[in-house]
């Protein structure tokens, strides 16, 4: 999609700190991190959100999760959060399906302050 910032990153039209890439997925550092380590896991196919998933997208969520696992292992994370923001009311800002991987907290005081659902 021409005006999608994530599609532009995928197409190397704008820079990003890419930490993982294969034929279907890309992962890069968030430019406004909400944690010491904050990565975005993004499918290369433009899908607006979880609400836009169709039956033919059956494997996409598992591929996103397994990519997040690879990124977390590469980063040496022992624990982390995975978050999907779905739709504007759910906090989604970029209309391209993506998963937030947040981690890197080391102080107990920071861990205690993390929101827990």
C-alpha atoms as a PDB file:
ATOM      1  CA  UNK A   1       0.000   0.000   0.000  1.00  0.00           C
ATOM      2  CA  UNK A   2       1.545   3.271  -1.143  1.00  0.00           C
ATOM      3  CA  UNK A   3       0.959   5.380   1.971  1.00  0.00           C
ATOM      4  CA  UNK A   4       1.691   2.694   4.597  1.00  0.00           C
ATOM      5  CA  UNK A   5       4.842   3.390   6.611  1.00  0.00           C
ATOM      6  CA  UNK A   6       5.407  -0.329   7.284  1.00  0.00           C
ATOM      7  CA  UNK A   7       5.098  -1.150   3.569  1.00  0.00           C
ATOM      8  CA  UNK A   8       7.687   1.559   2.913  1.00  0.00           C
ATOM      9  CA  UNK A   9      10.017  -0.055   5.472  1.00  0.00           C
ATOM     10  CA  UNK A  10       9.424  -3.475   3.884  1.00  0.00           C
ATOM     11  CA  UNK A  11      10.243  -2.008   0.453  1.00  0.00           C
ATOM     12  CA  UNK A  12      13.354  -0.245   1.862  1.00  0.00           C
ATOM     13  CA  UNK A  13      11.929   3.162   0.916  1.00  0.00           C
ATOM     14  CA  UNK A  14      12.462   4.481   4.441  1.00  0.00           C
ATOM     15  CA  UNK A  15      15.105   3.363   6.941  1.00  0.00           C
ATOM     16  CA  UNK A  16      14.525   1.160   9.961  1.00  0.00           C
ATOM     17  CA  UNK A  17      16.742  -0.823  12.293  1.00  0.00           C
ATOM     18  CA  UNK A  18      15.812  -4.244  10.918  1.00  0.00           C
ATOM     19  CA  UNK A  19      16.718  -7.116  13.213  1.00  0.00           C
ATOM     20  CA  UNK A  20      15.053 -10.004  11.365  1.00  0.00           C
ATOM     21  CA  UNK A  21      13.736 -10.603   7.870  1.00  0.00           C
ATOM     22  CA  UNK A  22      12.598 -13.549   5.786  1.00  0.00           C
ATOM     23  CA  UNK A  23      10.277 -13.966   2.789  1.00  0.00           C
ATOM     24  CA  UNK A  24       7.113 -13.350   4.815  1.00  0.00           C
ATOM     25  CA  UNK A  25       8.067 -11.354   7.912  1.00  0.00           C
ATOM     26  CA  UNK A  26      10.169  -8.402   8.974  1.00  0.00           C
ATOM     27  CA  UNK A  27      11.057  -7.234  12.493  1.00  0.00           C
ATOM     28  CA  UNK A  28      12.540  -3.894  13.441  1.00  0.00           C
ATOM     29  CA  UNK A  29      13.019  -1.615  16.434  1.00  0.00           C
ATOM     30  CA  UNK A  30      10.134   0.687  17.318  1.00  0.00           C
ATOM     31  CA  UNK A  31      11.139   4.348  16.896  1.00  0.00           C
ATOM     32  CA  UNK A  32       9.099   5.304  20.000  1.00  0.00           C
ATOM     33  CA  UNK A  33       9.854   2.431  22.381  1.00  0.00           C
ATOM     34  CA  UNK A  34       7.600   1.632  25.320  1.00  0.00           C
ATOM     35  CA  UNK A  35      10.182  -0.700  26.881  1.00  0.00           C
ATOM     36  CA  UNK A  36      13.979  -1.016  27.013  1.00  0.00           C
ATOM     37  CA  UNK A  37      13.645  -3.378  24.016  1.00  0.00           C
ATOM     38  CA  UNK A  38      10.642  -2.786  21.759  1.00  0.00           C
ATOM     39  CA  UNK A  39      10.403  -4.551  18.417  1.00  0.00           C
ATOM     40  CA  UNK A  40       7.644  -4.676  15.828  1.00  0.00           C
ATOM     41  CA  UNK A  41       6.932  -7.959  14.051  1.00  0.00           C
ATOM     42  CA  UNK A  42       5.249  -7.230  10.720  1.00  0.00           C
ATOM     43  CA  UNK A  43       3.996  -9.512   7.946  1.00  0.00           C
ATOM     44  CA  UNK A  44       5.159  -8.354   4.522  1.00  0.00           C
ATOM     45  CA  UNK A  45       1.671  -8.834   3.118  1.00  0.00           C
ATOM     46  CA  UNK A  46      -0.366  -5.696   3.794  1.00  0.00           C
ATOM     47  CA  UNK A  47      -3.208  -6.685   6.118  1.00  0.00           C
ATOM     48  CA  UNK A  48      -4.795  -3.771   7.972  1.00  0.00           C
ATOM     49  CA  UNK A  49      -5.449  -5.463  11.327  1.00  0.00           C
ATOM     50  CA  UNK A  50      -6.594  -8.648  13.004  1.00  0.00           C
ATOM     51  CA  UNK A  51     -10.145  -7.559  12.123  1.00  0.00           C
ATOM     52  CA  UNK A  52      -9.170  -7.770   8.427  1.00  0.00           C
ATOM     53  CA  UNK A  53      -7.992 -11.395   8.578  1.00  0.00           C
ATOM     54  CA  UNK A  54      -9.754 -13.788   6.221  1.00  0.00           C
ATOM     55  CA  UNK A  55      -9.815 -17.599   6.132  1.00  0.00           C
ATOM     56  CA  UNK A  56      -6.877 -17.623   3.696  1.00  0.00           C
ATOM     57  CA  UNK A  57      -4.749 -15.889   6.357  1.00  0.00           C
ATOM     58  CA  UNK A  58      -4.946 -18.924   8.667  1.00  0.00           C
ATOM     59  CA  UNK A  59      -1.222 -19.273   9.345  1.00  0.00           C
ATOM     60  CA  UNK A  60      -0.274 -15.602   9.599  1.00  0.00           C
ATOM     61  CA  UNK A  61      -0.742 -15.232  13.374  1.00  0.00           C
ATOM     62  CA  UNK A  62       1.330 -18.336  14.143  1.00  0.00           C
ATOM     63  CA  UNK A  63       4.066 -17.075  11.803  1.00  0.00           C
ATOM     64  CA  UNK A  64       4.040 -13.715  13.583  1.00  0.00           C
ATOM     65  CA  UNK A  65       4.308 -15.436  16.994  1.00  0.00           C
ATOM     66  CA  UNK A  66       7.137 -17.748  15.881  1.00  0.00           C
ATOM     67  CA  UNK A  67       8.987 -14.766  14.397  1.00  0.00           C
ATOM     68  CA  UNK A  68       8.616 -12.977  17.730  1.00  0.00           C
ATOM     69  CA  UNK A  69      10.094 -16.034  19.468  1.00  0.00           C
ATOM     70  CA  UNK A  70      13.105 -15.946  17.112  1.00  0.00           C
ATOM     71  CA  UNK A  71      13.608 -12.217  17.705  1.00  0.00           C
ATOM     72  CA  UNK A  72      13.345 -12.638  21.489  1.00  0.00           C
ATOM     73  CA  UNK A  73      15.887 -15.476  21.441  1.00  0.00           C
ATOM     74  CA  UNK A  74      18.246 -13.414  19.275  1.00  0.00           C
ATOM     75  CA  UNK A  75      17.915 -10.511  21.736  1.00  0.00           C
ATOM     76  CA  UNK A  76      18.590 -12.834  24.691  1.00  0.00           C
ATOM     77  CA  UNK A  77      15.281 -12.049  26.380  1.00  0.00           C
ATOM     78  CA  UNK A  78      14.278 -14.331  29.245  1.00  0.00           C
ATOM     79  CA  UNK A  79      10.800 -12.826  29.445  1.00  0.00           C
ATOM     80  CA  UNK A  80       8.765 -10.443  27.339  1.00  0.00           C
ATOM     81  CA  UNK A  81       5.292  -9.218  26.437  1.00  0.00           C
ATOM     82  CA  UNK A  82       3.544  -9.689  23.105  1.00  0.00           C
ATOM     83  CA  UNK A  83       0.815  -7.169  22.268  1.00  0.00           C
ATOM     84  CA  UNK A  84      -1.553  -6.714  19.336  1.00  0.00           C
ATOM     85  CA  UNK A  85      -3.344  -3.362  19.226  1.00  0.00           C
ATOM     86  CA  UNK A  86      -6.477  -3.889  17.137  1.00  0.00           C
ATOM     87  CA  UNK A  87      -8.298  -0.956  15.551  1.00  0.00           C
ATOM     88  CA  UNK A  88      -8.134   2.703  16.497  1.00  0.00           C
ATOM     89  CA  UNK A  89     -10.090   2.096  19.732  1.00  0.00           C
ATOM     90  CA  UNK A  90      -7.606  -0.638  20.634  1.00  0.00           C
ATOM     91  CA  UNK A  91      -4.619   1.676  20.234  1.00  0.00           C
ATOM     92  CA  UNK A  92      -3.591   0.691  16.698  1.00  0.00           C
ATOM     93  CA  UNK A  93      -1.893   3.676  15.041  1.00  0.00           C
ATOM     94  CA  UNK A  94      -0.458   2.112  11.868  1.00  0.00           C
ATOM     95  CA  UNK A  95      -3.045   0.305   9.740  1.00  0.00           C
ATOM     96  CA  UNK A  96      -0.825  -2.679   8.979  1.00  0.00           C
ATOM     97  CA  UNK A  97      -1.073  -5.790  11.137  1.00  0.00           C
ATOM     98  CA  UNK A  98       1.845  -5.926  13.575  1.00  0.00           C
ATOM     99  CA  UNK A  99       2.846  -7.391  16.916  1.00  0.00           C
ATOM    100  CA  UNK A 100       4.710  -5.473  19.616  1.00  0.00           C
ATOM    101  CA  UNK A 101       7.445  -7.438  21.392  1.00  0.00           C
ATOM    102  CA  UNK A 102       8.399  -5.642  24.611  1.00  0.00           C
ATOM    103  CA  UNK A 103      11.121  -6.673  27.024  1.00  0.00           C
ATOM    104  CA  UNK A 104      14.459  -5.870  28.526  1.00  0.00           C
ATOM    105  CA  UNK A 105      13.276  -4.840  31.963  1.00  0.00           C
ATOM    106  CA  UNK A 106      15.981  -5.703  34.472  1.00  0.00           C
ATOM    107  CA  UNK A 107      15.101  -3.837  37.668  1.00  0.00           C
ATOM    108  CA  UNK A 108      12.463  -5.390  39.904  1.00  0.00           C
ATOM    109  CA  UNK A 109      10.925  -1.945  40.423  1.00  0.00           C
ATOM    110  CA  UNK A 110      10.369  -1.609  36.656  1.00  0.00           C
ATOM    111  CA  UNK A 111       8.912  -5.113  36.465  1.00  0.00           C
ATOM    112  CA  UNK A 112       6.544  -4.310  39.339  1.00  0.00           C
ATOM    113  CA  UNK A 113       5.290  -1.189  37.517  1.00  0.00           C
ATOM    114  CA  UNK A 114       4.428  -3.023  34.286  1.00  0.00           C
ATOM    115  CA  UNK A 115       0.696  -3.139  33.597  1.00  0.00           C
ATOM    116  CA  UNK A 116      -0.731  -6.623  33.999  1.00  0.00           C
ATOM    117  CA  UNK A 117      -4.009  -7.552  32.297  1.00  0.00           C
END
